[in-house]
PDB file of all heavy atoms in Angstrom:
ATOM      1  N   MET A   1     102.498 105.693 110.028  1.00  0.00           N
ATOM      2  CA  MET A   1     101.194 106.363 109.738  1.00  0.00           C
ATOM      3  C   MET A   1     100.040 105.525 110.281  1.00  0.00           C
ATOM      4  O   MET A   1      99.999 104.320 110.075  1.00  0.00           O
ATOM      5  CB  MET A   1     101.100 106.567 108.217  1.00  0.00           C
ATOM      6  CG  MET A   1      99.799 107.075 107.754  1.00  0.00           C
ATOM      7  SD  MET A   1      99.426 108.732 108.385  1.00  0.00           S
ATOM      8  CE  MET A   1      97.706 108.843 107.978  1.00  0.00           C
ATOM      9  N   ALA A   2      99.028 106.179 110.904  1.00  0.00           N
ATOM     10  CA  ALA A   2      97.882 105.528 111.448  1.00  0.00           C
ATOM     11  C   ALA A   2      96.673 105.713 110.522  1.00  0.00           C
ATOM     12  O   ALA A   2      96.591 106.711 109.857  1.00  0.00           O
ATOM     13  CB  ALA A   2      97.534 106.002 112.814  1.00  0.00           C
ATOM     14  N   GLN A   3      95.723 104.738 110.554  1.00  0.00           N
ATOM     15  CA  GLN A   3      94.499 104.854 109.776  1.00  0.00           C
ATOM     16  C   GLN A   3      93.463 105.568 110.608  1.00  0.00           C
ATOM     17  O   GLN A   3      92.812 104.972 111.407  1.00  0.00           O
ATOM     18  CB  GLN A   3      93.982 103.488 109.365  1.00  0.00           C
ATOM     19  CG  GLN A   3      94.918 102.792 108.364  1.00  0.00           C
ATOM     20  CD  GLN A   3      94.197 101.607 107.744  1.00  0.00           C
ATOM     21  OE1 GLN A   3      93.072 101.685 107.263  1.00  0.00           O
ATOM     22  NE2 GLN A   3      94.887 100.495 107.727  1.00  0.00           N
ATOM     23  N   ASN A   4      93.271 106.862 110.346  1.00  0.00           N
ATOM     24  CA  ASN A   4      92.268 107.672 111.119  1.00  0.00           C
ATOM     25  C   ASN A   4      91.174 108.251 110.269  1.00  0.00           C
ATOM     26  O   ASN A   4      90.088 108.423 110.758  1.00  0.00           O
ATOM     27  CB  ASN A   4      93.015 108.821 111.831  1.00  0.00           C
ATOM     28  CG  ASN A   4      93.938 108.263 112.940  1.00  0.00           C
ATOM     29  OD1 ASN A   4      93.549 107.422 113.707  1.00  0.00           O
ATOM     30  ND2 ASN A   4      95.182 108.774 112.972  1.00  0.00           N
ATOM     31  N   ALA A   5      91.477 108.599 109.020  1.00  0.00           N
ATOM     32  CA  ALA A   5      90.509 109.396 108.290  1.00  0.00           C
ATOM     33  C   ALA A   5      89.581 108.551 107.459  1.00  0.00           C
ATOM     34  O   ALA A   5      89.896 107.404 107.166  1.00  0.00           O
ATOM     35  CB  ALA A   5      91.347 110.376 107.362  1.00  0.00           C
ATOM     36  N   THR A   6      88.503 109.167 107.002  1.00  0.00           N
ATOM     37  CA  THR A   6      87.528 108.413 106.254  1.00  0.00           C
ATOM     38  C   THR A   6      87.098 108.999 104.937  1.00  0.00           C
ATOM     39  O   THR A   6      86.523 108.298 104.135  1.00  0.00           O
ATOM     40  CB  THR A   6      86.245 108.161 107.144  1.00  0.00           C
ATOM     41  OG1 THR A   6      85.772 109.478 107.530  1.00  0.00           O
ATOM     42  CG2 THR A   6      86.566 107.380 108.404  1.00  0.00           C
ATOM     43  N   ALA A   7      87.349 110.310 104.743  1.00  0.00           N
ATOM     44  CA  ALA A   7      86.916 110.944 103.484  1.00  0.00           C
ATOM     45  C   ALA A   7      87.895 110.583 102.385  1.00  0.00           C
ATOM     46  O   ALA A   7      89.053 110.909 102.452  1.00  0.00           O
ATOM     47  CB  ALA A   7      86.831 112.438 103.639  1.00  0.00           C
ATOM     48  N   HIS A   8      87.448 109.861 101.356  1.00  0.00           N
ATOM     49  CA  HIS A   8      88.356 109.330 100.327  1.00  0.00           C
ATOM     50  C   HIS A   8      88.643 110.366  99.242  1.00  0.00           C
ATOM     51  O   HIS A   8      87.832 111.261  98.950  1.00  0.00           O
ATOM     52  CB  HIS A   8      87.731 108.080  99.677  1.00  0.00           C
ATOM     53  CG  HIS A   8      87.351 107.027 100.621  1.00  0.00           C
ATOM     54  ND1 HIS A   8      88.017 106.780 101.814  1.00  0.00           N
ATOM     55  CD2 HIS A   8      86.396 106.092 100.567  1.00  0.00           C
ATOM     56  CE1 HIS A   8      87.459 105.760 102.391  1.00  0.00           C
ATOM     57  NE2 HIS A   8      86.441 105.342 101.722  1.00  0.00           N
ATOM     58  N   ASP A   9      89.782 110.198  98.599  1.00  0.00           N
ATOM     59  CA  ASP A   9      90.042 110.866  97.361  1.00  0.00           C
ATOM     60  C   ASP A   9      89.030 110.323  96.351  1.00  0.00           C
ATOM     61  O   ASP A   9      88.628 109.221  96.432  1.00  0.00           O
ATOM     62  CB  ASP A   9      91.481 110.626  96.851  1.00  0.00           C
ATOM     63  CG  ASP A   9      92.446 111.610  97.517  1.00  0.00           C
ATOM     64  OD1 ASP A   9      92.198 112.089  98.604  1.00  0.00           O
ATOM     65  OD2 ASP A   9      93.492 111.852  96.879  1.00  0.00           O
ATOM     66  N   SER A  10      88.732 111.120  95.333  1.00  0.00           N
ATOM     67  CA  SER A  10      87.731 110.744  94.352  1.00  0.00           C
ATOM     68  C   SER A  10      87.998 111.431  93.044  1.00  0.00           C
ATOM     69  O   SER A  10      88.918 112.245  92.895  1.00  0.00           O
ATOM     70  CB  SER A  10      86.331 111.047  94.858  1.00  0.00           C
ATOM     71  OG  SER A  10      86.187 112.502  95.090  1.00  0.00           O
ATOM     72  N   ILE A  11      87.188 111.105  92.005  1.00  0.00           N
ATOM     73  CA  ILE A  11      87.225 111.808  90.714  1.00  0.00           C
ATOM     74  C   ILE A  11      85.953 112.677  90.622  1.00  0.00           C
ATOM     75  O   ILE A  11      84.872 112.242  90.944  1.00  0.00           O
ATOM     76  CB  ILE A  11      87.259 110.776  89.554  1.00  0.00           C
ATOM     77  CG1 ILE A  11      88.514 109.890  89.626  1.00  0.00           C
ATOM     78  CG2 ILE A  11      87.191 111.506  88.198  1.00  0.00           C
ATOM     79  CD1 ILE A  11      89.814 110.651  89.480  1.00  0.00           C
ATOM     80  N   LYS A  12      86.155 113.907  90.124  1.00  0.00           N
ATOM     81  CA  LYS A  12      85.069 114.878  90.164  1.00  0.00           C
ATOM     82  C   LYS A  12      83.879 114.529  89.243  1.00  0.00           C
ATOM     83  O   LYS A  12      82.745 114.753  89.614  1.00  0.00           O
ATOM     84  CB  LYS A  12      85.621 116.291  89.782  1.00  0.00           C
ATOM     85  CG  LYS A  12      84.624 117.375  89.901  1.00  0.00           C
ATOM     86  CD  LYS A  12      85.336 118.739  89.658  1.00  0.00           C
ATOM     87  CE  LYS A  12      85.658 118.995  88.258  1.00  0.00           C
ATOM     88  NZ  LYS A  12      84.442 119.257  87.413  1.00  0.00           N
ATOM     89  N   ASP A  13      84.151 113.938  88.075  1.00  0.00           N
ATOM     90  CA  ASP A  13      83.091 113.753  87.094  1.00  0.00           C
ATOM     91  C   ASP A  13      82.969 112.283  86.626  1.00  0.00           C
ATOM     92  O   ASP A  13      83.990 111.555  86.633  1.00  0.00           O
ATOM     93  CB  ASP A  13      83.368 114.594  85.845  1.00  0.00           C
ATOM     94  CG  ASP A  13      83.502 116.109  86.199  1.00  0.00           C
ATOM     95  OD1 ASP A  13      82.461 116.688  86.553  1.00  0.00           O
ATOM     96  OD2 ASP A  13      84.629 116.618  86.110  1.00  0.00           O
ATOM     97  N   VAL A  14      81.769 111.936  86.238  1.00  0.00           N
ATOM     98  CA  VAL A  14      81.500 110.677  85.531  1.00  0.00           C
ATOM     99  C   VAL A  14      81.550 110.956  84.058  1.00  0.00           C
ATOM    100  O   VAL A  14      80.935 111.894  83.573  1.00  0.00           O
ATOM    101  CB  VAL A  14      80.148 110.054  85.961  1.00  0.00           C
ATOM    102  CG1 VAL A  14      79.847 108.837  85.124  1.00  0.00           C
ATOM    103  CG2 VAL A  14      80.196 109.735  87.447  1.00  0.00           C
ATOM    104  N   LEU A  15      82.294 110.119  83.282  1.00  0.00           N
ATOM    105  CA  LEU A  15      82.395 110.307  81.826  1.00  0.00           C
ATOM    106  C   LEU A  15      81.481 109.315  81.047  1.00  0.00           C
ATOM    107  O   LEU A  15      81.009 108.364  81.650  1.00  0.00           O
ATOM    108  CB  LEU A  15      83.839 110.129  81.414  1.00  0.00           C
ATOM    109  CG  LEU A  15      84.853 111.054  82.168  1.00  0.00           C
ATOM    110  CD1 LEU A  15      86.268 110.810  81.603  1.00  0.00           C
ATOM    111  CD2 LEU A  15      84.493 112.473  82.027  1.00  0.00           C
ATOM    112  N   THR A  16      81.268 109.621  79.773  1.00  0.00           N
ATOM    113  CA  THR A  16      80.428 108.822  78.952  1.00  0.00           C
ATOM    114  C   THR A  16      81.185 108.338  77.708  1.00  0.00           C
ATOM    115  O   THR A  16      82.038 109.032  77.165  1.00  0.00           O
ATOM    116  CB  THR A  16      79.205 109.652  78.439  1.00  0.00           C
ATOM    117  OG1 THR A  16      78.465 110.103  79.611  1.00  0.00           O
ATOM    118  CG2 THR A  16      78.276 108.769  77.581  1.00  0.00           C
ATOM    119  N   GLU A  17      80.933 107.122  77.309  1.00  0.00           N
ATOM    120  CA  GLU A  17      81.525 106.507  76.155  1.00  0.00           C
ATOM    121  C   GLU A  17      81.458 107.454  74.948  1.00  0.00           C
ATOM    122  O   GLU A  17      80.431 108.057  74.704  1.00  0.00           O
ATOM    123  CB  GLU A  17      80.793 105.164  75.808  1.00  0.00           C
ATOM    124  CG  GLU A  17      81.347 104.531  74.546  1.00  0.00           C
ATOM    125  CD  GLU A  17      80.612 103.273  74.198  1.00  0.00           C
ATOM    126  OE1 GLU A  17      79.514 103.031  74.769  1.00  0.00           O
ATOM    127  OE2 GLU A  17      81.086 102.531  73.357  1.00  0.00           O
ATOM    128  N   GLY A  18      82.573 107.541  74.180  1.00  0.00           N
ATOM    129  CA  GLY A  18      82.607 108.327  72.969  1.00  0.00           C
ATOM    130  C   GLY A  18      82.819 109.778  73.158  1.00  0.00           C
ATOM    131  O   GLY A  18      82.897 110.530  72.145  1.00  0.00           O
ATOM    132  N   VAL A  19      82.929 110.227  74.436  1.00  0.00           N
ATOM    133  CA  VAL A  19      83.062 111.672  74.708  1.00  0.00           C
ATOM    134  C   VAL A  19      84.331 111.871  75.551  1.00  0.00           C
ATOM    135  O   VAL A  19      84.483 111.304  76.629  1.00  0.00           O
ATOM    136  CB  VAL A  19      81.833 112.239  75.463  1.00  0.00           C
ATOM    137  CG1 VAL A  19      82.007 113.713  75.741  1.00  0.00           C
ATOM    138  CG2 VAL A  19      80.553 111.961  74.677  1.00  0.00           C
ATOM    139  N   ALA A  20      85.235 112.668  75.033  1.00  0.00           N
ATOM    140  CA  ALA A  20      86.432 113.054  75.816  1.00  0.00           C
ATOM    141  C   ALA A  20      85.970 113.947  76.937  1.00  0.00           C
ATOM    142  O   ALA A  20      84.960 114.683  76.805  1.00  0.00           O
ATOM    143  CB  ALA A  20      87.430 113.729  74.911  1.00  0.00           C
ATOM    144  N   GLY A  21      86.717 113.940  78.048  1.00  0.00           N
ATOM    145  CA  GLY A  21      86.299 114.776  79.172  1.00  0.00           C
ATOM    146  C   GLY A  21      87.418 115.372  79.971  1.00  0.00           C
ATOM    147  O   GLY A  21      88.550 114.815  80.072  1.00  0.00           O
ATOM    148  N   TYR A  22      87.137 116.549  80.505  1.00  0.00           N
ATOM    149  CA  TYR A  22      88.049 117.196  81.463  1.00  0.00           C
ATOM    150  C   TYR A  22      87.444 116.940  82.875  1.00  0.00           C
ATOM    151  O   TYR A  22      86.260 117.175  83.063  1.00  0.00           O
ATOM    152  CB  TYR A  22      88.134 118.678  81.198  1.00  0.00           C
ATOM    153  CG  TYR A  22      88.825 119.066  79.911  1.00  0.00           C
ATOM    154  CD1 TYR A  22      88.142 119.142  78.740  1.00  0.00           C
ATOM    155  CD2 TYR A  22      90.212 119.241  79.950  1.00  0.00           C
ATOM    156  CE1 TYR A  22      88.798 119.435  77.551  1.00  0.00           C
ATOM    157  CE2 TYR A  22      90.880 119.575  78.746  1.00  0.00           C
ATOM    158  CZ  TYR A  22      90.191 119.652  77.537  1.00  0.00           C
ATOM    159  OH  TYR A  22      90.828 119.929  76.380  1.00  0.00           O
ATOM    160  N   THR A  23      88.289 116.437  83.765  1.00  0.00           N
ATOM    161  CA  THR A  23      87.812 116.178  85.107  1.00  0.00           C
ATOM    162  C   THR A  23      88.977 116.483  86.084  1.00  0.00           C
ATOM    163  O   THR A  23      89.962 117.167  85.667  1.00  0.00           O
ATOM    164  CB  THR A  23      87.341 114.728  85.246  1.00  0.00           C
ATOM    165  OG1 THR A  23      86.726 114.535  86.560  1.00  0.00           O
ATOM    166  CG2 THR A  23      88.415 113.734  84.971  1.00  0.00           C
ATOM    167  N   ALA A  24      88.878 116.010  87.267  1.00  0.00           N
ATOM    168  CA  ALA A  24      89.953 116.268  88.254  1.00  0.00           C
ATOM    169  C   ALA A  24      89.903 115.235  89.320  1.00  0.00           C
ATOM    170  O   ALA A  24      88.849 114.627  89.666  1.00  0.00           O
ATOM    171  CB  ALA A  24      89.771 117.657  88.893  1.00  0.00           C
ATOM    172  N   GLU A  25      91.127 114.949  89.861  1.00  0.00           N
ATOM    173  CA  GLU A  25      91.216 114.070  91.047  1.00  0.00           C
ATOM    174  C   GLU A  25      91.058 114.972  92.281  1.00  0.00           C
ATOM    175  O   GLU A  25      91.727 115.965  92.370  1.00  0.00           O
ATOM    176  CB  GLU A  25      92.596 113.381  91.065  1.00  0.00           C
ATOM    177  CG  GLU A  25      92.732 112.189  91.980  1.00  0.00           C
ATOM    178  CD  GLU A  25      93.179 112.606  93.386  1.00  0.00           C
ATOM    179  OE1 GLU A  25      93.951 113.511  93.459  1.00  0.00           O
ATOM    180  OE2 GLU A  25      92.848 111.869  94.337  1.00  0.00           O
ATOM    181  N   VAL A  26      90.166 114.571  93.163  1.00  0.00           N
ATOM    182  CA  VAL A  26      89.837 115.353  94.368  1.00  0.00           C
ATOM    183  C   VAL A  26      90.562 114.847  95.547  1.00  0.00           C
ATOM    184  O   VAL A  26      90.484 113.718  95.908  1.00  0.00           O
ATOM    185  CB  VAL A  26      88.289 115.332  94.654  1.00  0.00           C
ATOM    186  CG1 VAL A  26      87.962 116.180  95.870  1.00  0.00           C
ATOM    187  CG2 VAL A  26      87.516 115.755  93.450  1.00  0.00           C
ATOM    188  N   ILE A  27      91.355 115.731  96.153  1.00  0.00           N
ATOM    189  CA  ILE A  27      92.053 115.348  97.433  1.00  0.00           C
ATOM    190  C   ILE A  27      91.143 115.708  98.562  1.00  0.00           C
ATOM    191  O   ILE A  27      90.788 116.865  98.816  1.00  0.00           O
ATOM    192  CB  ILE A  27      93.405 116.109  97.517  1.00  0.00           C
ATOM    193  CG1 ILE A  27      94.292 115.754  96.335  1.00  0.00           C
ATOM    194  CG2 ILE A  27      94.079 115.774  98.854  1.00  0.00           C
ATOM    195  CD1 ILE A  27      95.644 116.525  96.351  1.00  0.00           C
ATOM    196  N   GLY A  28      90.682 114.707  99.252  1.00  0.00           N
ATOM    197  CA  GLY A  28      89.649 114.915 100.319  1.00  0.00           C
ATOM    198  C   GLY A  28      90.168 115.408 101.600  1.00  0.00           C
ATOM    199  O   GLY A  28      89.513 116.164 102.308  1.00  0.00           O
ATOM    200  N   HIS A  29      91.425 115.010 101.957  1.00  0.00           N
ATOM    201  CA  HIS A  29      91.985 115.477 103.216  1.00  0.00           C
ATOM    202  C   HIS A  29      93.440 115.207 103.210  1.00  0.00           C
ATOM    203  O   HIS A  29      93.990 114.463 102.365  1.00  0.00           O
ATOM    204  CB  HIS A  29      91.336 114.777 104.420  1.00  0.00           C
ATOM    205  CG  HIS A  29      91.471 113.329 104.436  1.00  0.00           C
ATOM    206  ND1 HIS A  29      92.638 112.678 104.753  1.00  0.00           N
ATOM    207  CD2 HIS A  29      90.557 112.307 104.200  1.00  0.00           C
ATOM    208  CE1 HIS A  29      92.463 111.360 104.713  1.00  0.00           C
ATOM    209  NE2 HIS A  29      91.180 111.137 104.360  1.00  0.00           N
ATOM    210  N   GLY A  30      94.161 115.813 104.169  1.00  0.00           N
ATOM    211  CA  GLY A  30      95.567 115.607 104.345  1.00  0.00           C
ATOM    212  C   GLY A  30      95.878 114.374 105.185  1.00  0.00           C
ATOM    213  O   GLY A  30      95.065 113.473 105.298  1.00  0.00           O
ATOM    214  N   CYS A  31      97.016 114.389 105.819  1.00  0.00           N
ATOM    215  CA  CYS A  31      97.476 113.188 106.562  1.00  0.00           C
ATOM    216  C   CYS A  31      97.376 113.395 108.096  1.00  0.00           C
ATOM    217  O   CYS A  31      97.815 114.406 108.610  1.00  0.00           O
ATOM    218  CB  CYS A  31      98.960 112.894 106.240  1.00  0.00           C
ATOM    219  SG  CYS A  31      99.334 112.923 104.470  1.00  0.00           S
ATOM    220  N   ALA A  32      96.694 112.486 108.730  1.00  0.00           N
ATOM    221  CA  ALA A  32      96.452 112.592 110.153  1.00  0.00           C
ATOM    222  C   ALA A  32      97.438 111.725 110.935  1.00  0.00           C
ATOM    223  O   ALA A  32      97.728 110.590 110.513  1.00  0.00           O
ATOM    224  CB  ALA A  32      95.046 112.196 110.516  1.00  0.00           C
ATOM    225  N   ASN A  33      97.927 112.247 112.061  1.00  0.00           N
ATOM    226  CA  ASN A  33      98.745 111.394 112.934  1.00  0.00           C
ATOM    227  C   ASN A  33      97.835 110.660 113.934  1.00  0.00           C
ATOM    228  O   ASN A  33      96.615 110.783 113.847  1.00  0.00           O
ATOM    229  CB  ASN A  33      99.882 112.205 113.648  1.00  0.00           C
ATOM    230  CG  ASN A  33      99.283 113.277 114.507  1.00  0.00           C
ATOM    231  OD1 ASN A  33      98.082 113.309 114.865  1.00  0.00           O
ATOM    232  ND2 ASN A  33     100.135 114.263 114.857  1.00  0.00           N
ATOM    233  N   GLU A  34      98.412 110.009 114.894  1.00  0.00           N
ATOM    234  CA  GLU A  34      97.606 109.211 115.827  1.00  0.00           C
ATOM    235  C   GLU A  34      96.710 110.101 116.688  1.00  0.00           C
ATOM    236  O   GLU A  34      95.682 109.690 117.179  1.00  0.00           O
ATOM    237  CB  GLU A  34      98.501 108.347 116.712  1.00  0.00           C
ATOM    238  CG  GLU A  34      99.178 107.210 115.945  1.00  0.00           C
ATOM    239  CD  GLU A  34     100.008 106.337 116.838  1.00  0.00           C
ATOM    240  OE1 GLU A  34     100.100 106.589 118.042  1.00  0.00           O
ATOM    241  OE2 GLU A  34     100.584 105.378 116.311  1.00  0.00           O
ATOM    242  N   ALA A  35      97.060 111.405 116.849  1.00  0.00           N
ATOM    243  CA  ALA A  35      96.279 112.311 117.641  1.00  0.00           C
ATOM    244  C   ALA A  35      95.234 113.069 116.744  1.00  0.00           C
ATOM    245  O   ALA A  35      94.524 113.972 117.179  1.00  0.00           O
ATOM    246  CB  ALA A  35      97.150 113.357 118.280  1.00  0.00           C
ATOM    247  N   LYS A  36      95.101 112.597 115.492  1.00  0.00           N
ATOM    248  CA  LYS A  36      94.208 113.178 114.504  1.00  0.00           C
ATOM    249  C   LYS A  36      94.500 114.655 114.240  1.00  0.00           C
ATOM    250  O   LYS A  36      93.566 115.440 113.934  1.00  0.00           O
ATOM    251  CB  LYS A  36      92.744 112.987 114.960  1.00  0.00           C
ATOM    252  CG  LYS A  36      92.356 111.480 114.998  1.00  0.00           C
ATOM    253  CD  LYS A  36      90.887 111.334 115.236  1.00  0.00           C
ATOM    254  CE  LYS A  36      90.503 109.821 115.262  1.00  0.00           C
ATOM    255  NZ  LYS A  36      89.070 109.593 115.498  1.00  0.00           N
ATOM    256  N   VAL A  37      95.768 114.994 114.262  1.00  0.00           N
ATOM    257  CA  VAL A  37      96.227 116.278 113.836  1.00  0.00           C
ATOM    258  C   VAL A  37      96.670 116.215 112.387  1.00  0.00           C
ATOM    259  O   VAL A  37      97.425 115.314 112.021  1.00  0.00           O
ATOM    260  CB  VAL A  37      97.407 116.825 114.692  1.00  0.00           C
ATOM    261  CG1 VAL A  37      97.947 118.119 114.171  1.00  0.00           C
ATOM    262  CG2 VAL A  37      96.969 116.955 116.188  1.00  0.00           C
ATOM    263  N   TYR A  38      96.141 117.046 111.504  1.00  0.00           N
ATOM    264  CA  TYR A  38      96.328 116.937 110.106  1.00  0.00           C
ATOM    265  C   TYR A  38      97.554 117.769 109.622  1.00  0.00           C
ATOM    266  O   TYR A  38      97.787 118.875 110.053  1.00  0.00           O
ATOM    267  CB  TYR A  38      95.100 117.341 109.312  1.00  0.00           C
ATOM    268  CG  TYR A  38      94.082 116.260 109.323  1.00  0.00           C
ATOM    269  CD1 TYR A  38      93.222 116.138 110.480  1.00  0.00           C
ATOM    270  CD2 TYR A  38      93.844 115.380 108.298  1.00  0.00           C
ATOM    271  CE1 TYR A  38      92.247 115.123 110.533  1.00  0.00           C
ATOM    272  CE2 TYR A  38      92.894 114.371 108.375  1.00  0.00           C
ATOM    273  CZ  TYR A  38      92.105 114.242 109.478  1.00  0.00           C
ATOM    274  OH  TYR A  38      91.148 113.288 109.527  1.00  0.00           O
ATOM    275  N   SER A  39      98.224 117.192 108.608  1.00  0.00           N
ATOM    276  CA  SER A  39      99.338 117.880 107.949  1.00  0.00           C
ATOM    277  C   SER A  39      98.982 118.117 106.477  1.00  0.00           C
ATOM    278  O   SER A  39      98.184 117.386 105.899  1.00  0.00           O
ATOM    279  CB  SER A  39     100.633 117.044 108.033  1.00  0.00           C
ATOM    280  OG  SER A  39     101.012 116.903 109.403  1.00  0.00           O
TER     281      SER A  39
END
């Protein structure tokens, strides 16, 4: 696997102490090969 992409996975929301929260892990992009073709 080659390092081509730059958009990172992230978490959708910032939470606050004392408050339970619903959030999500954000998948920013798929997997690129050396030709920058994504899967």
